[in-house]
């Protein structure tokens, strides 16, 4: 599998309303942290997120987290 692009070296902190979201895994989307279809032609697929109740989330933008889509601090260990 290819390496994702690093969209940013900090998380995106959002208040999310209940609903379905598509988290970008490739790092190419212009609408980070969500998918805009820019992964087309790569081996990446977006991650479907189901939010049941309004919640505050820190979503990973470096795309190296071990706990997708949540930031786990991996950005602080990148070269």
PDB file of N, CA and C in Angstrom:
ATOM      1  N   UNK A   1       0.841  -1.194   0.000  1.00  0.00           N
ATOM      2  CA  UNK A   1       0.000   0.000   0.000  1.00  0.00           C
ATOM      3  C   UNK A   1       0.879   1.247   0.000  1.00  0.00           C
ATOM      4  N   UNK A   2       0.426   2.261  -0.669  1.00  0.00           N
ATOM      5  CA  UNK A   2       1.147   3.528  -0.755  1.00  0.00           C
ATOM      6  C   UNK A   2       1.130   4.262   0.580  1.00  0.00           C
ATOM      7  N   UNK A   3       2.038   5.197   0.704  1.00  0.00           N
ATOM      8  CA  UNK A   3       2.058   6.075   1.880  1.00  0.00           C
ATOM      9  C   UNK A   3       1.073   7.213   1.643  1.00  0.00           C
ATOM     10  N   UNK A   4       0.275   7.560   2.660  1.00  0.00           N
ATOM     11  CA  UNK A   4      -0.635   8.692   2.500  1.00  0.00           C
ATOM     12  C   UNK A   4       0.126  10.017   2.533  1.00  0.00           C
ATOM     13  N   UNK A   5      -0.459  11.036   1.952  1.00  0.00           N
ATOM     14  CA  UNK A   5       0.098  12.393   2.064  1.00  0.00           C
ATOM     15  C   UNK A   5      -0.214  12.925   3.448  1.00  0.00           C
ATOM     16  N   UNK A   6       0.691  13.689   3.997  1.00  0.00           N
ATOM     17  CA  UNK A   6       0.464  14.343   5.280  1.00  0.00           C
ATOM     18  C   UNK A   6      -0.278  15.640   4.985  1.00  0.00           C
ATOM     19  N   UNK A   7      -1.545  15.701   5.385  1.00  0.00           N
ATOM     20  CA  UNK A   7      -2.342  16.897   5.138  1.00  0.00           C
ATOM     21  C   UNK A   7      -1.953  18.020   6.098  1.00  0.00           C
ATOM     22  N   UNK A   8      -1.576  17.654   7.337  1.00  0.00           N
ATOM     23  CA  UNK A   8      -1.147  18.623   8.339  1.00  0.00           C
ATOM     24  C   UNK A   8      -0.477  17.855   9.477  1.00  0.00           C
ATOM     25  N   UNK A   9       0.264  18.543  10.310  1.00  0.00           N
ATOM     26  CA  UNK A   9       0.960  17.911  11.434  1.00  0.00           C
ATOM     27  C   UNK A   9       0.295  18.246  12.761  1.00  0.00           C
ATOM     28  N   UNK A  10      -1.019  18.416  12.713  1.00  0.00           N
ATOM     29  CA  UNK A  10      -1.825  18.617  13.917  1.00  0.00           C
ATOM     30  C   UNK A  10      -3.209  18.072  13.614  1.00  0.00           C
ATOM     31  N   UNK A  11      -3.978  17.729  14.638  1.00  0.00           N
ATOM     32  CA  UNK A  11      -5.318  17.202  14.380  1.00  0.00           C
ATOM     33  C   UNK A  11      -6.295  18.311  13.999  1.00  0.00           C
ATOM     34  N   UNK A  12      -7.406  17.900  13.444  1.00  0.00           N
ATOM     35  CA  UNK A  12      -8.518  18.799  13.136  1.00  0.00           C
ATOM     36  C   UNK A  12      -9.571  18.545  14.211  1.00  0.00           C
ATOM     37  N   UNK A  13      -9.826  19.531  15.040  1.00  0.00           N
ATOM     38  CA  UNK A  13     -10.781  19.377  16.137  1.00  0.00           C
ATOM     39  C   UNK A  13     -12.116  19.956  15.693  1.00  0.00           C
ATOM     40  N   UNK A  14     -13.139  19.085  15.690  1.00  0.00           N
ATOM     41  CA  UNK A  14     -14.454  19.456  15.177  1.00  0.00           C
ATOM     42  C   UNK A  14     -15.570  19.027  16.115  1.00  0.00           C
ATOM     43  N   UNK A  15     -16.656  19.778  16.079  1.00  0.00           N
ATOM     44  CA  UNK A  15     -17.919  19.381  16.710  1.00  0.00           C
ATOM     45  C   UNK A  15     -18.733  18.735  15.594  1.00  0.00           C
ATOM     46  N   UNK A  16     -19.012  17.458  15.714  1.00  0.00           N
ATOM     47  CA  UNK A  16     -19.741  16.754  14.668  1.00  0.00           C
ATOM     48  C   UNK A  16     -21.164  16.444  15.099  1.00  0.00           C
ATOM     49  N   UNK A  17     -22.103  16.763  14.232  1.00  0.00           N
ATOM     50  CA  UNK A  17     -23.517  16.443  14.449  1.00  0.00           C
ATOM     51  C   UNK A  17     -23.737  14.977  14.082  1.00  0.00           C
ATOM     52  N   UNK A  18     -24.796  14.372  14.584  1.00  0.00           N
ATOM     53  CA  UNK A  18     -25.095  12.998  14.194  1.00  0.00           C
ATOM     54  C   UNK A  18     -25.204  12.876  12.676  1.00  0.00           C
ATOM     55  N   UNK A  19     -24.668  11.785  12.153  1.00  0.00           N
ATOM     56  CA  UNK A  19     -24.735  11.561  10.717  1.00  0.00           C
ATOM     57  C   UNK A  19     -23.615  10.667  10.245  1.00  0.00           C
ATOM     58  N   UNK A  20     -23.520  10.527   8.929  1.00  0.00           N
ATOM     59  CA  UNK A  20     -22.487   9.718   8.288  1.00  0.00           C
ATOM     60  C   UNK A  20     -21.457  10.644   7.657  1.00  0.00           C
ATOM     61  N   UNK A  21     -20.202  10.341   7.902  1.00  0.00           N
ATOM     62  CA  UNK A  21     -19.091  11.118   7.356  1.00  0.00           C
ATOM     63  C   UNK A  21     -18.117  10.150   6.699  1.00  0.00           C
ATOM     64  N   UNK A  22     -17.364  10.639   5.732  1.00  0.00           N
ATOM     65  CA  UNK A  22     -16.349   9.842   5.063  1.00  0.00           C
ATOM     66  C   UNK A  22     -14.985  10.490   5.313  1.00  0.00           C
ATOM     67  N   UNK A  23     -14.179   9.841   6.158  1.00  0.00           N
ATOM     68  CA  UNK A  23     -12.856  10.331   6.552  1.00  0.00           C
ATOM     69  C   UNK A  23     -11.837  10.023   5.452  1.00  0.00           C
ATOM     70  N   UNK A  24     -11.077  11.023   5.068  1.00  0.00           N
ATOM     71  CA  UNK A  24     -10.032  10.878   4.055  1.00  0.00           C
ATOM     72  C   UNK A  24      -8.851  10.112   4.627  1.00  0.00           C
ATOM     73  N   UNK A  25      -8.433   9.060   3.953  1.00  0.00           N
ATOM     74  CA  UNK A  25      -7.254   8.283   4.359  1.00  0.00           C
ATOM     75  C   UNK A  25      -6.026   8.579   3.502  1.00  0.00           C
ATOM     76  N   UNK A  26      -6.219   9.152   2.319  1.00  0.00           N
ATOM     77  CA  UNK A  26      -5.101   9.353   1.397  1.00  0.00           C
ATOM     78  C   UNK A  26      -4.330  10.648   1.663  1.00  0.00           C
ATOM     79  N   UNK A  27      -4.983  11.624   2.276  1.00  0.00           N
ATOM     80  CA  UNK A  27      -4.345  12.912   2.533  1.00  0.00           C
ATOM     81  C   UNK A  27      -4.429  13.882   1.374  1.00  0.00           C
ATOM     82  N   UNK A  28      -5.067  13.502   0.275  1.00  0.00           N
ATOM     83  CA  UNK A  28      -5.140  14.341  -0.926  1.00  0.00           C
ATOM     84  C   UNK A  28      -6.348  15.264  -0.962  1.00  0.00           C
ATOM     85  N   UNK A  29      -7.375  14.986  -0.168  1.00  0.00           N
ATOM     86  CA  UNK A  29      -8.631  15.736  -0.213  1.00  0.00           C
ATOM     87  C   UNK A  29      -8.429  17.215   0.111  1.00  0.00           C
ATOM     88  N   UNK A  30      -9.094  18.072  -0.653  1.00  0.00           N
ATOM     89  CA  UNK A  30      -9.064  19.510  -0.381  1.00  0.00           C
ATOM     90  C   UNK A  30     -10.035  19.862   0.738  1.00  0.00           C
ATOM     91  N   UNK A  31     -10.881  18.930   1.136  1.00  0.00           N
ATOM     92  CA  UNK A  31     -11.856  19.188   2.198  1.00  0.00           C
ATOM     93  C   UNK A  31     -11.512  18.388   3.459  1.00  0.00           C
ATOM     94  N   UNK A  32     -10.237  18.371   3.824  1.00  0.00           N
ATOM     95  CA  UNK A  32      -9.765  17.658   5.016  1.00  0.00           C
ATOM     96  C   UNK A  32     -10.581  18.036   6.236  1.00  0.00           C
ATOM     97  N   UNK A  33     -10.872  17.093   7.102  1.00  0.00           N
ATOM     98  CA  UNK A  33     -10.418  15.706   7.125  1.00  0.00           C
ATOM     99  C   UNK A  33     -11.332  14.754   6.368  1.00  0.00           C
ATOM    100  N   UNK A  34     -12.237  15.299   5.559  1.00  0.00           N
ATOM    101  CA  UNK A  34     -13.217  14.463   4.883  1.00  0.00           C
ATOM    102  C   UNK A  34     -12.861  14.242   3.419  1.00  0.00           C
ATOM    103  N   UNK A  35     -13.348  13.140   2.887  1.00  0.00           N
ATOM    104  CA  UNK A  35     -13.058  12.719   1.516  1.00  0.00           C
ATOM    105  C   UNK A  35     -13.783  13.595   0.498  1.00  0.00           C
ATOM    106  N   UNK A  36     -13.077  13.917  -0.590  1.00  0.00           N
ATOM    107  CA  UNK A  36     -13.709  14.615  -1.716  1.00  0.00           C
ATOM    108  C   UNK A  36     -13.518  13.831  -3.014  1.00  0.00           C
ATOM    109  N   UNK A  37     -13.084  12.571  -2.888  1.00  0.00           N
ATOM    110  CA  UNK A  37     -12.888  11.718  -4.061  1.00  0.00           C
ATOM    111  C   UNK A  37     -11.496  11.782  -4.651  1.00  0.00           C
ATOM    112  N   UNK A  38     -10.593  12.534  -4.048  1.00  0.00           N
ATOM    113  CA  UNK A  38      -9.241  12.684  -4.590  1.00  0.00           C
ATOM    114  C   UNK A  38      -8.418  11.400  -4.553  1.00  0.00           C
ATOM    115  N   UNK A  39      -8.890  10.393  -3.840  1.00  0.00           N
ATOM    116  CA  UNK A  39      -8.178   9.112  -3.766  1.00  0.00           C
ATOM    117  C   UNK A  39      -8.314   8.299  -5.053  1.00  0.00           C
ATOM    118  N   UNK A  40      -9.204   8.724  -5.955  1.00  0.00           N
ATOM    119  CA  UNK A  40      -9.437   7.980  -7.193  1.00  0.00           C
ATOM    120  C   UNK A  40      -8.117   7.738  -7.926  1.00  0.00           C
ATOM    121  N   UNK A  41      -7.886   6.494  -8.292  1.00  0.00           N
ATOM    122  CA  UNK A  41      -6.645   6.124  -8.966  1.00  0.00           C
ATOM    123  C   UNK A  41      -5.543   5.703  -8.009  1.00  0.00           C
ATOM    124  N   UNK A  42      -5.819   5.738  -6.698  1.00  0.00           N
ATOM    125  CA  UNK A  42      -4.850   5.280  -5.693  1.00  0.00           C
ATOM    126  C   UNK A  42      -5.386   3.994  -5.071  1.00  0.00           C
ATOM    127  N   UNK A  43      -4.636   3.407  -4.164  1.00  0.00           N
ATOM    128  CA  UNK A  43      -5.117   2.213  -3.467  1.00  0.00           C
ATOM    129  C   UNK A  43      -5.777   2.559  -2.129  1.00  0.00           C
ATOM    130  N   UNK A  44      -6.142   3.823  -1.926  1.00  0.00           N
ATOM    131  CA  UNK A  44      -6.817   4.265  -0.705  1.00  0.00           C
ATOM    132  C   UNK A  44      -8.327   4.287  -0.888  1.00  0.00           C
ATOM    133  N   UNK A  45      -9.037   4.059   0.209  1.00  0.00           N
ATOM    134  CA  UNK A  45     -10.487   4.183   0.267  1.00  0.00           C
ATOM    135  C   UNK A  45     -10.825   4.982   1.517  1.00  0.00           C
ATOM    136  N   UNK A  46     -11.856   5.822   1.484  1.00  0.00           N
ATOM    137  CA  UNK A  46     -12.227   6.586   2.684  1.00  0.00           C
ATOM    138  C   UNK A  46     -12.813   5.663   3.751  1.00  0.00           C
ATOM    139  N   UNK A  47     -12.803   6.141   4.979  1.00  0.00           N
ATOM    140  CA  UNK A  47     -13.351   5.410   6.118  1.00  0.00           C
ATOM    141  C   UNK A  47     -14.719   5.982   6.452  1.00  0.00           C
ATOM    142  N   UNK A  48     -15.727   5.123   6.475  1.00  0.00           N
ATOM    143  CA  UNK A  48     -17.078   5.554   6.825  1.00  0.00           C
ATOM    144  C   UNK A  48     -17.163   5.737   8.335  1.00  0.00           C
ATOM    145  N   UNK A  49     -17.618   6.917   8.754  1.00  0.00           N
ATOM    146  CA  UNK A  49     -17.779   7.238  10.176  1.00  0.00           C
ATOM    147  C   UNK A  49     -19.256   7.452  10.466  1.00  0.00           C
ATOM    148  N   UNK A  50     -19.776   6.756  11.455  1.00  0.00           N
ATOM    149  CA  UNK A  50     -21.158   6.940  11.900  1.00  0.00           C
ATOM    150  C   UNK A  50     -21.116   7.657  13.244  1.00  0.00           C
ATOM    151  N   UNK A  51     -21.621   8.874  13.300  1.00  0.00           N
ATOM    152  CA  UNK A  51     -21.679   9.642  14.541  1.00  0.00           C
ATOM    153  C   UNK A  51     -23.114   9.540  15.061  1.00  0.00           C
ATOM    154  N   UNK A  52     -23.271   8.980  16.250  1.00  0.00           N
ATOM    155  CA  UNK A  52     -24.601   8.725  16.818  1.00  0.00           C
ATOM    156  C   UNK A  52     -25.178   9.933  17.546  1.00  0.00           C
ATOM    157  N   UNK A  53     -24.307  10.711  18.208  1.00  0.00           N
ATOM    158  CA  UNK A  53     -24.754  11.906  18.925  1.00  0.00           C
ATOM    159  C   UNK A  53     -23.701  12.989  18.766  1.00  0.00           C
ATOM    160  N   UNK A  54     -24.106  14.233  18.940  1.00  0.00           N
ATOM    161  CA  UNK A  54     -23.166  15.336  18.772  1.00  0.00           C
ATOM    162  C   UNK A  54     -21.937  15.085  19.636  1.00  0.00           C
ATOM    163  N   UNK A  55     -20.772  15.238  19.033  1.00  0.00           N
ATOM    164  CA  UNK A  55     -19.534  14.934  19.735  1.00  0.00           C
ATOM    165  C   UNK A  55     -18.386  15.781  19.212  1.00  0.00           C
ATOM    166  N   UNK A  56     -17.431  16.013  20.061  1.00  0.00           N
ATOM    167  CA  UNK A  56     -16.209  16.733  19.699  1.00  0.00           C
ATOM    168  C   UNK A  56     -15.140  15.682  19.424  1.00  0.00           C
ATOM    169  N   UNK A  57     -14.480  15.793  18.270  1.00  0.00           N
ATOM    170  CA  UNK A  57     -13.471  14.813  17.885  1.00  0.00           C
ATOM    171  C   UNK A  57     -12.208  15.509  17.398  1.00  0.00           C
ATOM    172  N   UNK A  58     -11.076  14.877  17.664  1.00  0.00           N
ATOM    173  CA  UNK A  58      -9.790  15.314  17.127  1.00  0.00           C
ATOM    174  C   UNK A  58      -9.417  14.308  16.038  1.00  0.00           C
ATOM    175  N   UNK A  59      -9.642  14.695  14.788  1.00  0.00           N
ATOM    176  CA  UNK A  59      -9.407  13.800  13.663  1.00  0.00           C
ATOM    177  C   UNK A  59      -7.992  13.968  13.125  1.00  0.00           C
ATOM    178  N   UNK A  60      -7.371  12.840  12.832  1.00  0.00           N
ATOM    179  CA  UNK A  60      -5.991  12.819  12.365  1.00  0.00           C
ATOM    180  C   UNK A  60      -5.861  13.445  10.979  1.00  0.00           C
ATOM    181  N   UNK A  61      -4.877  14.307  10.818  1.00  0.00           N
ATOM    182  CA  UNK A  61      -4.579  14.891   9.511  1.00  0.00           C
ATOM    183  C   UNK A  61      -3.231  14.423   8.952  1.00  0.00           C
ATOM    184  N   UNK A  62      -2.397  13.812   9.799  1.00  0.00           N
ATOM    185  CA  UNK A  62      -1.113  13.310   9.293  1.00  0.00           C
ATOM    186  C   UNK A  62      -1.287  11.961   8.592  1.00  0.00           C
ATOM    187  N   UNK A  63      -2.424  11.309   8.849  1.00  0.00           N
ATOM    188  CA  UNK A  63      -2.798  10.037   8.225  1.00  0.00           C
ATOM    189  C   UNK A  63      -1.913   8.867   8.661  1.00  0.00           C
ATOM    190  N   UNK A  64      -1.250   8.997   9.812  1.00  0.00           N
ATOM    191  CA  UNK A  64      -0.405   7.930  10.337  1.00  0.00           C
ATOM    192  C   UNK A  64      -0.902   7.386  11.676  1.00  0.00           C
ATOM    193  N   UNK A  65      -2.061   7.819  12.129  1.00  0.00           N
ATOM    194  CA  UNK A  65      -2.609   7.342  13.396  1.00  0.00           C
ATOM    195  C   UNK A  65      -2.855   5.835  13.355  1.00  0.00           C
ATOM    196  N   UNK A  66      -2.760   5.200  14.496  1.00  0.00           N
ATOM    197  CA  UNK A  66      -3.085   3.774  14.619  1.00  0.00           C
ATOM    198  C   UNK A  66      -4.543   3.597  15.027  1.00  0.00           C
ATOM    199  N   UNK A  67      -5.262   4.713  15.263  1.00  0.00           N
ATOM    200  CA  UNK A  67      -6.642   4.676  15.757  1.00  0.00           C
ATOM    201  C   UNK A  67      -7.566   5.503  14.865  1.00  0.00           C
ATOM    202  N   UNK A  68      -7.558   5.221  13.565  1.00  0.00           N
ATOM    203  CA  UNK A  68      -8.380   5.978  12.618  1.00  0.00           C
ATOM    204  C   UNK A  68      -9.825   6.077  13.066  1.00  0.00           C
ATOM    205  N   UNK A  69     -10.419   7.201  12.925  1.00  0.00           N
ATOM    206  CA  UNK A  69      -9.932   8.463  12.374  1.00  0.00           C
ATOM    207  C   UNK A  69      -9.339   9.387  13.437  1.00  0.00           C
ATOM    208  N   UNK A  70      -9.253   8.897  14.676  1.00  0.00           N
ATOM    209  CA  UNK A  70      -8.832   9.744  15.806  1.00  0.00           C
ATOM    210  C   UNK A  70      -7.330   9.963  15.857  1.00  0.00           C
ATOM    211  N   UNK A  71      -6.947  11.170  16.177  1.00  0.00           N
ATOM    212  CA  UNK A  71      -5.535  11.507  16.355  1.00  0.00           C
ATOM    213  C   UNK A  71      -5.001  10.767  17.574  1.00  0.00           C
ATOM    214  N   UNK A  72      -3.809  10.146  17.431  1.00  0.00           N
ATOM    215  CA  UNK A  72      -3.167   9.483  18.558  1.00  0.00           C
ATOM    216  C   UNK A  72      -1.790  10.089  18.841  1.00  0.00           C
ATOM    217  N   UNK A  73      -1.522  11.245  18.239  1.00  0.00           N
ATOM    218  CA  UNK A  73      -0.240  11.923  18.467  1.00  0.00           C
ATOM    219  C   UNK A  73       0.871  11.468  17.522  1.00  0.00           C
ATOM    220  N   UNK A  74       0.564  10.619  16.566  1.00  0.00           N
ATOM    221  CA  UNK A  74       1.589  10.108  15.637  1.00  0.00           C
ATOM    222  C   UNK A  74       2.304  11.235  14.893  1.00  0.00           C
ATOM    223  N   UNK A  75       1.612  12.361  14.687  1.00  0.00           N
ATOM    224  CA  UNK A  75       2.216  13.493  13.959  1.00  0.00           C
ATOM    225  C   UNK A  75       3.480  14.003  14.654  1.00  0.00           C
ATOM    226  N   UNK A  76       3.551  13.830  15.969  1.00  0.00           N
ATOM    227  CA  UNK A  76       4.722  14.330  16.710  1.00  0.00           C
ATOM    228  C   UNK A  76       5.949  13.443  16.506  1.00  0.00           C
ATOM    229  N   UNK A  77       5.777  12.262  15.918  1.00  0.00           N
ATOM    230  CA  UNK A  77       6.888  11.330  15.687  1.00  0.00           C
ATOM    231  C   UNK A  77       7.310  11.253  14.226  1.00  0.00           C
ATOM    232  N   UNK A  78       6.676  12.041  13.376  1.00  0.00           N
ATOM    233  CA  UNK A  78       7.020  12.014  11.947  1.00  0.00           C
ATOM    234  C   UNK A  78       8.313  12.779  11.681  1.00  0.00           C
ATOM    235  N   UNK A  79       9.076  12.316  10.708  1.00  0.00           N
ATOM    236  CA  UNK A  79      10.318  13.031  10.372  1.00  0.00           C
ATOM    237  C   UNK A  79      10.050  14.373   9.727  1.00  0.00           C
TER     238      UNK A  79
END
